């Protein structure tokens, strides 16, 4: 249970990086 919050943060960060790359490719 203690590590679930950390996993959520890591996933959100990966999604953030993914979208940034996606937007970067579009420009």
Protein backbone atom coordinates (compact mmCIF):
# COMPACT_ATOMS: atom_id res chain seq x y z
CA UNK A 1 0.00 0.00 0.00
CA UNK A 2 2.89 2.32 0.81
CA UNK A 3 4.41 1.97 -2.66
CA UNK A 4 1.14 2.43 -4.58
CA UNK A 5 1.28 6.23 -4.27
CA UNK A 6 4.83 6.27 -5.57
CA UNK A 7 3.81 4.09 -8.51
CA UNK A 8 1.02 6.52 -9.37
CA UNK A 9 3.46 9.42 -9.36
CA UNK A 10 5.88 7.53 -11.60
CA UNK A 11 3.09 6.61 -14.03
CA UNK A 12 1.87 10.21 -14.17
CA UNK A 13 5.42 11.37 -14.89
CA UNK A 14 5.80 8.84 -17.70
CA UNK A 15 2.48 9.93 -19.22
CA UNK A 16 3.62 13.56 -18.94
CA UNK A 17 6.86 12.79 -20.77
CA UNK A 18 4.94 10.81 -23.40
CA UNK A 19 2.60 13.72 -24.15
CA UNK A 20 5.47 16.20 -24.22
CA UNK A 21 7.22 14.07 -26.83
CA UNK A 22 3.94 13.74 -28.72
CA UNK A 23 3.45 17.52 -28.81
CA UNK A 24 7.10 18.00 -29.72
CA UNK A 25 6.68 15.70 -32.73
CA UNK A 26 3.60 17.59 -33.92
CA UNK A 27 5.40 20.92 -34.11
